[in-house]
Amino acid sequence: VMGTNPSNIKGPQNPVDSVPWGEAVEFCRKLSAFPAEKSAGHVYRLPTEAEWEHACRAGTDTQYSFGDSTAQLGDYAWYVENSGKTTHSVGQKKPNPWGLYDIHGNVWEWCQNWMGDYPSGSVTDPTGTLSGSRRLTRGGSHGWGSSCCRSADRSNRKPDGRHTVMGFRVVRVAKSKAIAASSPASDELTLFDGADLSSWTVDTDTSKAFTVNNGVLAVSGVPS
C-alpha cells in the first residue's frame, strides 16, 4: 500500500512498527482509495479508543479478554516477560473471544483519538476530545509489562514519533455506516458528510459549536 516498510524489526508476518500516527492515517486513506475497496464501499480508518476497547474486551469485563490471571497472559500476548523485547509474527498466540490475534501485546496500537479525560456520564460511541498534543495508544507491547496489556490500560504518544513498540490496527467501516448519515437539526449546517474525520483539526478559538453525529460534522447557529 505504502511502498515502503518503516519497521525497525522486519519480518514477513511481523506487525509493522515505528509508524507515526499520521502515516497510519495515510495508510488507511490509501487503502480506502484502492479501486476494489472503493467500488465495494469500504472505508478504512484507525479505531476510536472506545471501538478498540470494545473489540479487545469482546464482551468480557475482566482485566484481559481471557480473564484476570496474568499467569495466562503468555498464551495470548508477546510482552516483556516472553518476547525477548522484539516483535513476533502475528497469530502465534491465542486470539480473544472474537478471533482477534495480538490484541494484547506485540506492538502498541494507535487510536484515532487525542488523549483526554473520559466523558462524564453515559455516552454511546464516544470519539474523544477534539484537540490535544498526544494520541492515544492501546494494547501494550513486547517491551512493556503485563499491566500495560490490560483491556482498560491507556497510554499515549506524540503523533509524530517513531517508536519500535508502536504499530496500528485498522477498522473497516460497515458499508451502510460509511454511506448513510443522519440529517442535521434545523439549526445546523452540514459541512461534511462522511465516515473518516481522523485527519481533521479544529480551531479551538472559533465561536461556533461543532458537533459530530453519525458521520455528519455540523456547526450550530447561522453560518457567517
Protein backbone atom coordinates (compact mmCIF):
# COMPACT_ATOMS: atom_id res chain seq x y z
CA VAL A 1 0.00 0.00 0.00
CA MET A 2 2.70 2.49 1.05
CA GLY A 3 5.58 1.10 -0.98
CA THR A 4 7.97 1.02 1.98
CA ASN A 5 8.22 -0.72 5.35
CA PRO A 6 9.50 1.60 8.10
CA SER A 7 9.78 -1.19 10.68
CA ASN A 8 12.91 -1.45 12.76
CA ILE A 9 12.18 -5.15 13.25
CA LYS A 10 11.24 -6.59 9.85
CA GLY A 11 9.68 -9.95 9.12
CA PRO A 12 7.16 -11.25 6.56
CA GLN A 13 4.46 -11.68 9.21
CA ASN A 14 5.67 -9.26 11.88
CA PRO A 15 3.50 -6.28 12.74
CA VAL A 16 4.69 -3.01 11.26
CA ASP A 17 6.44 -0.84 13.83
CA SER A 18 7.98 2.64 14.00
CA VAL A 19 4.95 4.22 12.31
CA PRO A 20 3.90 7.76 13.29
CA TRP A 21 0.18 8.38 13.72
CA GLY A 22 -0.07 10.43 10.52
CA GLU A 23 1.41 7.64 8.40
CA ALA A 24 -1.05 5.17 9.89
CA VAL A 25 -3.87 7.52 8.88
CA GLU A 26 -2.37 7.88 5.41
CA PHE A 27 -2.22 4.08 5.07
CA CYS A 28 -5.95 3.96 5.78
CA ARG A 29 -6.63 6.68 3.22
CA LYS A 30 -4.64 4.93 0.51
CA LEU A 31 -6.17 1.55 1.25
CA SER A 32 -9.66 3.07 1.08
CA ALA A 33 -8.78 4.59 -2.31
CA PHE A 34 -7.90 1.27 -3.94
CA PRO A 35 -10.39 0.74 -6.82
CA ALA A 36 -11.63 -2.61 -5.48
CA GLU A 37 -12.13 -1.22 -1.99
CA LYS A 38 -13.74 1.97 -3.25
CA SER A 39 -16.17 0.15 -5.52
CA ALA A 40 -17.13 -2.11 -2.63
CA GLY A 41 -17.85 0.93 -0.47
CA HIS A 42 -15.15 0.05 2.05
CA VAL A 43 -13.64 2.79 4.19
CA TYR A 44 -10.68 2.08 6.45
CA ARG A 45 -9.53 4.13 9.41
CA LEU A 46 -7.96 3.85 12.84
CA PRO A 47 -10.32 2.74 15.60
CA THR A 48 -11.53 5.16 18.21
CA GLU A 49 -10.43 4.30 21.72
CA ALA A 50 -13.95 3.11 22.54
CA GLU A 51 -14.04 0.86 19.47
CA TRP A 52 -10.62 -0.55 20.28
CA GLU A 53 -11.56 -1.47 23.84
CA HIS A 54 -14.91 -2.90 22.75
CA ALA A 55 -13.12 -5.15 20.25
CA CYS A 56 -10.43 -6.08 22.77
CA ARG A 57 -12.87 -7.00 25.53
CA ALA A 58 -15.08 -9.00 23.16
CA GLY A 59 -17.95 -8.97 25.63
CA THR A 60 -15.82 -9.54 28.74
CA ASP A 61 -15.42 -7.31 31.79
CA THR A 62 -12.22 -8.86 33.14
CA GLN A 63 -8.68 -7.47 33.25
CA TYR A 64 -7.85 -9.21 29.98
CA SER A 65 -10.07 -10.67 27.27
CA PHE A 66 -9.35 -14.15 28.64
CA GLY A 67 -9.79 -13.42 32.37
CA ASP A 68 -7.97 -11.80 35.26
CA SER A 69 -4.91 -14.02 35.72
CA THR A 70 -1.55 -12.81 34.43
CA ALA A 71 -0.45 -16.45 34.54
CA GLN A 72 -2.31 -16.96 31.25
CA LEU A 73 -1.05 -13.81 29.54
CA GLY A 74 1.85 -15.59 27.87
CA ASP A 75 -0.65 -17.75 25.99
CA TYR A 76 -2.21 -14.65 24.42
CA ALA A 77 0.47 -11.98 24.23
CA TRP A 78 4.07 -11.16 23.46
CA TYR A 79 5.14 -8.90 26.32
CA VAL A 80 8.32 -8.15 28.22
CA GLU A 81 8.36 -11.48 30.08
CA ASN A 82 8.39 -13.71 26.98
CA SER A 83 9.18 -11.58 23.91
CA GLY A 84 12.93 -11.06 24.15
CA LYS A 85 11.95 -7.39 23.63
CA THR A 86 11.26 -7.87 19.94
CA THR A 87 8.15 -8.21 17.80
CA HIS A 88 6.97 -11.63 16.66
CA SER A 89 4.95 -12.96 13.76
CA VAL A 90 1.27 -12.26 14.26
CA GLY A 91 -1.19 -15.03 15.02
CA GLN A 92 1.14 -17.25 17.06
CA LYS A 93 -0.72 -16.66 20.32
CA LYS A 94 -4.34 -17.43 21.17
CA PRO A 95 -6.98 -14.97 19.90
CA ASN A 96 -9.54 -13.19 22.02
CA PRO A 97 -13.16 -14.49 22.05
CA TRP A 98 -13.92 -12.58 18.84
CA GLY A 99 -10.97 -14.08 16.99
CA LEU A 100 -8.63 -11.08 17.17
CA TYR A 101 -4.96 -12.01 17.48
CA ASP A 102 -2.28 -9.96 19.24
CA ILE A 103 -4.84 -7.57 20.73
CA HIS A 104 -2.72 -7.82 23.88
CA GLY A 105 0.99 -7.12 23.43
CA ASN A 106 3.38 -7.33 20.45
CA VAL A 107 3.02 -3.63 19.49
CA TRP A 108 1.08 -0.71 20.90
CA GLU A 109 -1.73 0.31 18.55
CA TRP A 110 -2.63 3.86 17.57
CA CYS A 111 -6.18 5.05 18.16
CA GLN A 112 -7.92 7.86 16.32
CA ASN A 113 -8.47 9.92 19.48
CA TRP A 114 -6.44 12.60 21.16
CA MET A 115 -5.51 11.77 24.74
CA GLY A 116 -8.05 13.28 27.11
CA ASP A 117 -10.24 12.65 30.10
CA TYR A 118 -13.13 10.24 29.81
CA PRO A 119 -16.50 11.97 29.32
CA SER A 120 -18.72 12.29 32.35
CA GLY A 121 -21.89 10.24 32.38
CA SER A 122 -23.01 7.56 29.97
CA VAL A 123 -22.16 8.04 26.28
CA THR A 124 -22.54 5.97 23.11
CA ASP A 125 -19.67 5.65 20.63
CA PRO A 126 -17.56 8.48 22.10
CA THR A 127 -14.95 9.95 19.77
CA GLY A 128 -12.85 11.70 22.39
CA THR A 129 -11.63 15.27 22.75
CA LEU A 130 -11.42 17.48 19.66
CA SER A 131 -7.82 18.57 20.16
CA GLY A 132 -4.66 17.75 22.06
CA SER A 133 -0.95 17.14 21.75
CA ARG A 134 -0.74 13.35 22.15
CA ARG A 135 -2.63 10.48 20.52
CA LEU A 136 -3.98 7.51 22.43
CA THR A 137 -2.34 4.10 22.17
CA ARG A 138 -3.67 0.78 23.41
CA GLY A 139 -2.76 -2.86 23.90
CA GLY A 140 0.74 -2.92 25.36
CA SER A 141 3.79 -4.25 23.56
CA HIS A 142 6.74 -6.61 23.53
CA GLY A 143 8.72 -4.16 25.62
CA TRP A 144 6.18 -3.49 28.35
CA GLY A 145 4.78 -5.38 31.33
CA SER A 146 1.55 -7.21 31.97
CA SER A 147 -0.36 -4.23 33.38
CA CYS A 148 0.01 -2.38 30.07
CA CYS A 149 -1.62 -5.28 28.24
CA ARG A 150 -4.87 -4.95 30.20
CA SER A 151 -8.01 -4.25 28.20
CA ALA A 152 -8.55 -0.95 30.03
CA ASP A 153 -4.97 0.33 30.05
CA ARG A 154 -4.44 3.69 28.32
CA SER A 155 -1.21 5.17 27.05
CA ASN A 156 -0.32 8.00 24.68
CA ARG A 157 2.47 9.29 22.48
CA LYS A 158 3.28 12.32 20.37
CA PRO A 159 1.77 11.64 16.94
CA ASP A 160 4.96 12.39 15.01
CA GLY A 161 7.14 9.98 16.98
CA ARG A 162 8.68 6.81 15.60
CA HIS A 163 8.95 4.04 18.18
CA THR A 164 9.84 0.38 17.74
CA VAL A 165 7.00 -0.56 20.08
CA MET A 166 4.36 1.31 18.03
CA GLY A 167 2.13 -0.17 15.34
CA PHE A 168 -1.53 0.03 14.40
CA ARG A 169 -4.67 -1.93 13.61
CA VAL A 170 -7.32 -0.70 11.19
CA VAL A 171 -11.09 -0.99 11.16
CA ARG A 172 -13.29 -1.24 8.10
CA VAL A 173 -16.41 0.84 8.39
CA ALA A 174 -19.60 -1.06 7.62
CA LYS A 175 -20.87 -0.08 4.18
CA SER A 176 -24.22 1.16 5.46
CA LYS A 177 -22.50 3.31 8.08
CA ALA A 178 -19.96 4.68 5.64
CA ILE A 179 -22.55 5.96 3.17
CA ALA A 180 -25.50 6.74 5.42
CA ALA A 181 -25.61 9.73 7.72
CA SER A 182 -28.37 11.31 9.74
CA SER A 183 -29.79 14.69 8.76
CA PRO A 184 -28.65 17.63 10.87
CA ALA A 185 -31.06 19.50 13.11
CA SER A 186 -32.82 22.53 11.61
CA ASP A 187 -30.37 24.94 13.23
CA GLU A 188 -27.27 23.08 12.00
CA LEU A 189 -25.36 23.30 8.74
CA THR A 190 -23.83 20.12 7.35
CA LEU A 191 -20.20 20.80 6.48
CA PHE A 192 -19.01 17.30 5.72
CA ASP A 193 -20.85 14.03 5.24
CA GLY A 194 -18.50 11.06 5.61
CA ALA A 195 -17.13 8.38 7.88
CA ASP A 196 -13.49 9.33 8.41
CA LEU A 197 -12.77 12.56 10.31
CA SER A 198 -9.47 11.36 11.77
CA SER A 199 -7.27 13.83 9.90
CA TRP A 200 -9.37 16.91 10.71
CA THR A 201 -8.19 19.63 13.06
CA VAL A 202 -10.38 22.08 14.94
CA ASP A 203 -9.77 25.77 15.58
CA THR A 204 -10.36 25.97 19.33
CA ASP A 205 -10.84 29.76 19.14
CA THR A 206 -13.95 29.54 16.96
CA SER A 207 -17.18 30.89 18.38
CA LYS A 208 -19.14 28.21 16.58
CA ALA A 209 -20.11 24.95 18.28
CA PHE A 210 -19.13 21.92 16.20
CA THR A 211 -20.74 18.53 16.68
CA VAL A 212 -20.28 15.14 15.04
CA ASN A 213 -23.33 12.89 14.77
CA ASN A 214 -23.23 9.60 12.85
CA GLY A 215 -20.60 10.89 10.45
CA VAL A 216 -22.07 14.38 10.00
CA LEU A 217 -19.88 17.30 11.04
CA ALA A 218 -22.19 20.23 11.78
CA VAL A 219 -21.90 23.74 13.18
CA SER A 220 -24.68 25.20 15.28
CA GLY A 221 -26.16 28.60 14.54
CA VAL A 222 -26.25 30.72 11.43
CA PRO A 223 -23.10 30.46 9.27
CA SER A 224 -21.17 33.68 8.81
